Amino acid sequence: MQNRGIVYKGRHGHDVWRGARRLPLAPSLRLRNHSPTGFSWGYGGSGPAQLALALLYDVTGDPEPAKGYYQAFKWAVVAQWPMDGTWEITANHIRVWLDGERDKRLAADRVGVA
């Protein structure tokens, strides 16, 4: 598991930072190749999908939850950030969101079994 205190920031021009360093694109591309040209946000396309996948993978260090939840994270969070603006989110906020989504899926699975 990665450090929960890490701050991720996006800046106009689609630069994404993990603390003082750029968030690398390559690790998320190895999981799914949506946007080889880079990250984006503020809408529901391939650049935001790649960013959602990269953020979840960076926070968890595990490809399975990253691949299983990145589309939901894209729509709930990444697509909501201003397209031509800046944003900031902590690793802890991402983990809280992910835990909440897991809880929702578990509850839905229980209802489906009953």
N, C-alpha and C. Protein backbone atom coordinates (compact mmCIF):
# COMPACT_ATOMS: atom_id res chain seq x y z
N MET A 1 0.85 -1.18 0.00
CA MET A 1 0.00 0.00 0.00
C MET A 1 0.89 1.24 0.00
N GLN A 2 0.51 2.23 -0.74
CA GLN A 2 1.25 3.48 -0.83
C GLN A 2 0.90 4.39 0.34
N ASN A 3 1.71 5.39 0.56
CA ASN A 3 1.50 6.37 1.63
C ASN A 3 0.20 7.13 1.43
N ARG A 4 -0.63 7.16 2.47
CA ARG A 4 -1.94 7.82 2.37
C ARG A 4 -1.85 9.34 2.33
N GLY A 5 -0.73 9.91 2.77
CA GLY A 5 -0.59 11.36 2.83
C GLY A 5 -0.17 12.01 1.53
N ILE A 6 0.05 11.23 0.50
CA ILE A 6 0.47 11.78 -0.79
C ILE A 6 -0.63 12.66 -1.36
N VAL A 7 -0.22 13.78 -1.94
CA VAL A 7 -1.16 14.69 -2.60
C VAL A 7 -0.92 14.62 -4.10
N TYR A 8 -1.99 14.39 -4.83
CA TYR A 8 -1.97 14.39 -6.29
C TYR A 8 -2.56 15.71 -6.75
N LYS A 9 -1.94 16.31 -7.77
CA LYS A 9 -2.43 17.59 -8.30
C LYS A 9 -2.43 17.56 -9.82
N GLY A 10 -3.46 18.14 -10.37
CA GLY A 10 -3.53 18.33 -11.81
C GLY A 10 -3.51 19.81 -12.11
N ARG A 11 -2.78 20.16 -13.13
CA ARG A 11 -2.66 21.56 -13.53
C ARG A 11 -3.07 21.72 -14.98
N HIS A 12 -3.48 22.93 -15.30
CA HIS A 12 -3.82 23.25 -16.67
C HIS A 12 -2.69 22.75 -17.58
N GLY A 13 -3.02 22.16 -18.67
CA GLY A 13 -2.03 21.58 -19.56
C GLY A 13 -1.91 20.08 -19.34
N HIS A 14 -2.70 19.57 -18.40
CA HIS A 14 -2.81 18.14 -18.14
C HIS A 14 -1.56 17.52 -17.52
N ASP A 15 -0.81 18.34 -16.77
CA ASP A 15 0.28 17.82 -15.96
C ASP A 15 -0.31 17.26 -14.68
N VAL A 16 0.11 16.07 -14.31
CA VAL A 16 -0.36 15.44 -13.08
C VAL A 16 0.85 15.15 -12.21
N TRP A 17 0.76 15.59 -10.97
CA TRP A 17 1.87 15.47 -10.03
C TRP A 17 1.50 14.57 -8.87
N ARG A 18 2.44 13.80 -8.42
CA ARG A 18 2.36 12.97 -7.21
C ARG A 18 3.40 13.54 -6.27
N GLY A 19 2.94 14.39 -5.37
CA GLY A 19 3.90 15.12 -4.55
C GLY A 19 4.70 16.05 -5.43
N ALA A 20 6.02 15.94 -5.36
CA ALA A 20 6.91 16.82 -6.14
C ALA A 20 7.31 16.23 -7.49
N ARG A 21 6.78 15.06 -7.83
CA ARG A 21 7.15 14.39 -9.08
C ARG A 21 5.93 14.14 -9.95
N ARG A 22 6.16 14.08 -11.23
CA ARG A 22 5.07 13.77 -12.15
C ARG A 22 4.59 12.33 -11.93
N LEU A 23 3.29 12.15 -12.04
CA LEU A 23 2.72 10.81 -11.98
C LEU A 23 3.04 10.12 -13.31
N PRO A 24 3.74 8.99 -13.27
CA PRO A 24 4.11 8.34 -14.54
C PRO A 24 2.91 7.71 -15.24
N LEU A 25 2.91 7.79 -16.53
CA LEU A 25 1.85 7.23 -17.37
C LEU A 25 2.06 5.73 -17.60
N ALA A 26 3.29 5.31 -17.77
CA ALA A 26 3.60 3.94 -18.19
C ALA A 26 3.00 2.84 -17.32
N PRO A 27 3.04 2.93 -15.99
CA PRO A 27 2.47 1.82 -15.20
C PRO A 27 0.99 1.57 -15.49
N SER A 28 0.22 2.63 -15.64
CA SER A 28 -1.21 2.43 -15.92
C SER A 28 -1.43 1.93 -17.34
N LEU A 29 -0.58 2.33 -18.27
CA LEU A 29 -0.71 1.84 -19.65
C LEU A 29 -0.49 0.34 -19.73
N ARG A 30 0.35 -0.19 -18.85
CA ARG A 30 0.57 -1.64 -18.83
C ARG A 30 -0.67 -2.40 -18.37
N LEU A 31 -1.55 -1.73 -17.61
CA LEU A 31 -2.80 -2.36 -17.17
C LEU A 31 -3.87 -2.28 -18.25
N ARG A 32 -4.08 -1.09 -18.78
CA ARG A 32 -5.03 -0.83 -19.86
C ARG A 32 -4.54 0.39 -20.63
N ASN A 33 -4.58 0.30 -21.92
CA ASN A 33 -4.10 1.40 -22.75
C ASN A 33 -5.30 2.17 -23.31
N HIS A 34 -5.70 3.20 -22.58
CA HIS A 34 -6.80 4.06 -23.04
C HIS A 34 -6.26 5.31 -23.73
N SER A 35 -5.17 5.85 -23.21
CA SER A 35 -4.69 7.14 -23.70
C SER A 35 -3.16 7.21 -23.66
N PRO A 36 -2.49 6.69 -24.67
CA PRO A 36 -1.03 6.72 -24.67
C PRO A 36 -0.46 8.13 -24.77
N THR A 37 -1.29 9.10 -25.10
CA THR A 37 -0.81 10.48 -25.18
C THR A 37 -0.87 11.20 -23.84
N GLY A 38 -1.49 10.59 -22.83
CA GLY A 38 -1.46 11.20 -21.50
C GLY A 38 -2.80 11.28 -20.81
N PHE A 39 -2.74 11.94 -19.66
CA PHE A 39 -3.90 12.07 -18.78
C PHE A 39 -4.74 13.29 -19.14
N SER A 40 -5.99 13.24 -18.73
CA SER A 40 -6.90 14.37 -18.88
C SER A 40 -7.96 14.24 -17.80
N TRP A 41 -8.83 15.24 -17.71
CA TRP A 41 -9.92 15.22 -16.73
C TRP A 41 -11.01 16.18 -17.17
N GLY A 42 -12.14 16.10 -16.50
CA GLY A 42 -13.23 17.03 -16.77
C GLY A 42 -14.27 16.53 -17.75
N TYR A 43 -14.17 15.30 -18.19
CA TYR A 43 -15.15 14.70 -19.09
C TYR A 43 -15.00 13.19 -18.98
N GLY A 44 -15.72 12.42 -19.76
CA GLY A 44 -15.73 10.98 -19.60
C GLY A 44 -14.94 10.20 -20.63
N GLY A 45 -13.89 10.76 -21.18
CA GLY A 45 -13.16 10.10 -22.25
C GLY A 45 -11.98 9.24 -21.84
N SER A 46 -11.11 8.97 -22.82
CA SER A 46 -9.99 8.06 -22.61
C SER A 46 -8.90 8.63 -21.71
N GLY A 47 -8.61 9.93 -21.83
CA GLY A 47 -7.61 10.55 -20.95
C GLY A 47 -8.02 10.49 -19.49
N PRO A 48 -9.28 10.82 -19.16
CA PRO A 48 -9.74 10.67 -17.78
C PRO A 48 -9.76 9.22 -17.31
N ALA A 49 -10.07 8.28 -18.19
CA ALA A 49 -10.03 6.87 -17.81
C ALA A 49 -8.61 6.46 -17.44
N GLN A 50 -7.63 6.92 -18.23
CA GLN A 50 -6.23 6.58 -17.94
C GLN A 50 -5.80 7.20 -16.62
N LEU A 51 -6.23 8.43 -16.35
CA LEU A 51 -5.89 9.08 -15.09
C LEU A 51 -6.52 8.36 -13.91
N ALA A 52 -7.79 8.00 -14.02
CA ALA A 52 -8.47 7.28 -12.94
C ALA A 52 -7.75 5.97 -12.64
N LEU A 53 -7.39 5.24 -13.67
CA LEU A 53 -6.67 3.98 -13.51
C LEU A 53 -5.32 4.22 -12.85
N ALA A 54 -4.61 5.23 -13.31
CA ALA A 54 -3.28 5.54 -12.76
C ALA A 54 -3.35 5.92 -11.28
N LEU A 55 -4.34 6.74 -10.93
CA LEU A 55 -4.47 7.15 -9.53
C LEU A 55 -4.80 5.96 -8.63
N LEU A 56 -5.75 5.16 -9.03
CA LEU A 56 -6.12 4.00 -8.21
C LEU A 56 -4.96 3.01 -8.09
N TYR A 57 -4.24 2.80 -9.17
CA TYR A 57 -3.10 1.89 -9.14
C TYR A 57 -1.97 2.44 -8.27
N ASP A 58 -1.72 3.72 -8.39
CA ASP A 58 -0.66 4.33 -7.59
C ASP A 58 -0.98 4.27 -6.10
N VAL A 59 -2.22 4.50 -5.75
CA VAL A 59 -2.63 4.50 -4.34
C VAL A 59 -2.63 3.08 -3.75
N THR A 60 -3.14 2.12 -4.51
CA THR A 60 -3.27 0.76 -3.96
C THR A 60 -2.05 -0.11 -4.20
N GLY A 61 -1.34 0.15 -5.28
CA GLY A 61 -0.23 -0.71 -5.66
C GLY A 61 -0.71 -2.07 -6.15
N ASP A 62 -2.00 -2.19 -6.42
CA ASP A 62 -2.61 -3.47 -6.79
C ASP A 62 -3.41 -3.29 -8.08
N PRO A 63 -3.10 -4.05 -9.12
CA PRO A 63 -3.82 -3.86 -10.38
C PRO A 63 -5.29 -4.26 -10.33
N GLU A 64 -5.65 -5.20 -9.47
CA GLU A 64 -7.03 -5.68 -9.48
C GLU A 64 -8.06 -4.62 -9.06
N PRO A 65 -7.91 -3.96 -7.91
CA PRO A 65 -8.90 -2.91 -7.61
C PRO A 65 -8.80 -1.74 -8.59
N ALA A 66 -7.61 -1.45 -9.07
CA ALA A 66 -7.47 -0.37 -10.04
C ALA A 66 -8.29 -0.67 -11.28
N LYS A 67 -8.15 -1.88 -11.82
CA LYS A 67 -8.90 -2.26 -13.02
C LYS A 67 -10.39 -2.43 -12.73
N GLY A 68 -10.74 -2.84 -11.54
CA GLY A 68 -12.13 -3.10 -11.22
C GLY A 68 -12.96 -1.86 -10.92
N TYR A 69 -12.29 -0.75 -10.54
CA TYR A 69 -13.04 0.43 -10.09
C TYR A 69 -12.72 1.71 -10.85
N TYR A 70 -11.79 1.68 -11.78
CA TYR A 70 -11.37 2.95 -12.39
C TYR A 70 -12.46 3.64 -13.20
N GLN A 71 -13.34 2.89 -13.85
CA GLN A 71 -14.40 3.55 -14.62
C GLN A 71 -15.36 4.28 -13.68
N ALA A 72 -15.70 3.66 -12.57
CA ALA A 72 -16.58 4.33 -11.60
C ALA A 72 -15.89 5.55 -11.01
N PHE A 73 -14.59 5.43 -10.74
CA PHE A 73 -13.83 6.57 -10.20
C PHE A 73 -13.74 7.70 -11.23
N LYS A 74 -13.59 7.31 -12.48
CA LYS A 74 -13.56 8.32 -13.55
C LYS A 74 -14.83 9.15 -13.53
N TRP A 75 -16.00 8.48 -13.52
CA TRP A 75 -17.27 9.20 -13.58
C TRP A 75 -17.56 9.96 -12.30
N ALA A 76 -17.28 9.37 -11.17
CA ALA A 76 -17.62 10.01 -9.89
C ALA A 76 -16.68 11.14 -9.51
N VAL A 77 -15.42 11.06 -9.92
CA VAL A 77 -14.43 12.03 -9.45
C VAL A 77 -13.73 12.76 -10.59
N VAL A 78 -13.00 12.02 -11.41
CA VAL A 78 -12.14 12.63 -12.44
C VAL A 78 -12.92 13.45 -13.46
N ALA A 79 -14.06 12.96 -13.89
CA ALA A 79 -14.87 13.69 -14.87
C ALA A 79 -15.46 14.97 -14.29
N GLN A 80 -15.51 15.06 -12.96
CA GLN A 80 -16.09 16.23 -12.30
C GLN A 80 -15.10 17.39 -12.13
N TRP A 81 -13.81 17.12 -12.27
CA TRP A 81 -12.83 18.19 -12.13
C TRP A 81 -12.92 19.14 -13.32
N PRO A 82 -12.64 20.42 -13.11
CA PRO A 82 -12.74 21.39 -14.22
C PRO A 82 -11.76 21.06 -15.35
N MET A 83 -12.29 20.97 -16.55
CA MET A 83 -11.49 20.55 -17.70
C MET A 83 -10.23 21.39 -17.90
N ASP A 84 -10.35 22.67 -17.80
CA ASP A 84 -9.20 23.55 -18.01
C ASP A 84 -8.69 24.15 -16.71
N GLY A 85 -9.00 23.50 -15.60
CA GLY A 85 -8.58 24.03 -14.30
C GLY A 85 -7.63 23.10 -13.59
N THR A 86 -7.46 23.38 -12.32
CA THR A 86 -6.59 22.57 -11.49
C THR A 86 -7.42 21.79 -10.48
N TRP A 87 -6.87 20.75 -9.94
CA TRP A 87 -7.52 19.94 -8.93
C TRP A 87 -6.47 19.37 -8.00
N GLU A 88 -6.93 18.86 -6.88
CA GLU A 88 -6.05 18.26 -5.90
C GLU A 88 -6.83 17.19 -5.13
N ILE A 89 -6.20 16.06 -4.88
CA ILE A 89 -6.82 14.98 -4.11
C ILE A 89 -5.72 14.23 -3.38
N THR A 90 -6.02 13.76 -2.19
CA THR A 90 -5.03 13.00 -1.43
C THR A 90 -5.22 11.50 -1.67
N ALA A 91 -4.17 10.77 -1.41
CA ALA A 91 -4.26 9.32 -1.48
C ALA A 91 -5.31 8.81 -0.50
N ASN A 92 -5.41 9.45 0.65
CA ASN A 92 -6.40 9.04 1.64
C ASN A 92 -7.83 9.22 1.10
N HIS A 93 -8.10 10.33 0.43
CA HIS A 93 -9.42 10.55 -0.15
C HIS A 93 -9.74 9.48 -1.21
N ILE A 94 -8.75 9.11 -1.99
CA ILE A 94 -8.96 8.08 -3.01
C ILE A 94 -9.27 6.75 -2.33
N ARG A 95 -8.52 6.43 -1.29
CA ARG A 95 -8.74 5.17 -0.58
C ARG A 95 -10.13 5.15 0.08
N VAL A 96 -10.56 6.26 0.66
CA VAL A 96 -11.89 6.33 1.26
C VAL A 96 -12.96 6.11 0.20
N TRP A 97 -12.80 6.74 -0.96
CA TRP A 97 -13.75 6.55 -2.05
C TRP A 97 -13.78 5.06 -2.45
N LEU A 98 -12.61 4.46 -2.62
CA LEU A 98 -12.52 3.06 -3.02
C LEU A 98 -13.17 2.14 -1.98
N ASP A 99 -12.91 2.38 -0.72
CA ASP A 99 -13.53 1.57 0.33
C ASP A 99 -15.06 1.69 0.29
N GLY A 100 -15.56 2.88 0.05
CA GLY A 100 -17.00 3.09 -0.06
C GLY A 100 -17.60 2.34 -1.24
N GLU A 101 -16.91 2.35 -2.36
CA GLU A 101 -17.39 1.62 -3.55
C GLU A 101 -17.39 0.12 -3.31
N ARG A 102 -16.35 -0.36 -2.64
CA ARG A 102 -16.31 -1.80 -2.31
C ARG A 102 -17.49 -2.17 -1.42
N ASP A 103 -17.77 -1.32 -0.43
CA ASP A 103 -18.90 -1.57 0.47
C ASP A 103 -20.21 -1.61 -0.31
N LYS A 104 -20.39 -0.68 -1.27
CA LYS A 104 -21.61 -0.67 -2.08
C LYS A 104 -21.75 -1.95 -2.90
N ARG A 105 -20.66 -2.40 -3.48
CA ARG A 105 -20.71 -3.63 -4.30
C ARG A 105 -21.01 -4.84 -3.43
N LEU A 106 -20.40 -4.90 -2.25
CA LEU A 106 -20.68 -6.02 -1.35
C LEU A 106 -22.15 -6.03 -0.94
N ALA A 107 -22.69 -4.86 -0.63
CA ALA A 107 -24.10 -4.77 -0.24
C ALA A 107 -25.00 -5.17 -1.41
N ALA A 108 -24.67 -4.74 -2.60
CA ALA A 108 -25.47 -5.10 -3.77
C ALA A 108 -25.39 -6.60 -4.04
N ASP A 109 -24.21 -7.19 -3.83
CA ASP A 109 -24.08 -8.63 -4.02
C ASP A 109 -24.92 -9.39 -3.00
N ARG A 110 -24.95 -8.90 -1.77
CA ARG A 110 -25.75 -9.56 -0.72
C ARG A 110 -27.25 -9.49 -1.07
N VAL A 111 -27.70 -8.37 -1.56
CA VAL A 111 -29.11 -8.20 -1.93
C VAL A 111 -29.44 -9.15 -3.09
N GLY A 112 -28.51 -9.28 -4.03
CA GLY A 112 -28.74 -10.15 -5.18
C GLY A 112 -28.81 -11.62 -4.80
N VAL A 113 -28.15 -12.00 -3.71
CA VAL A 113 -28.14 -13.40 -3.28
C VAL A 113 -29.38 -13.73 -2.48
N ALA A 114 -29.93 -12.76 -1.80
CA ALA A 114 -31.08 -13.02 -0.90
C ALA A 114 -32.32 -13.45 -1.62
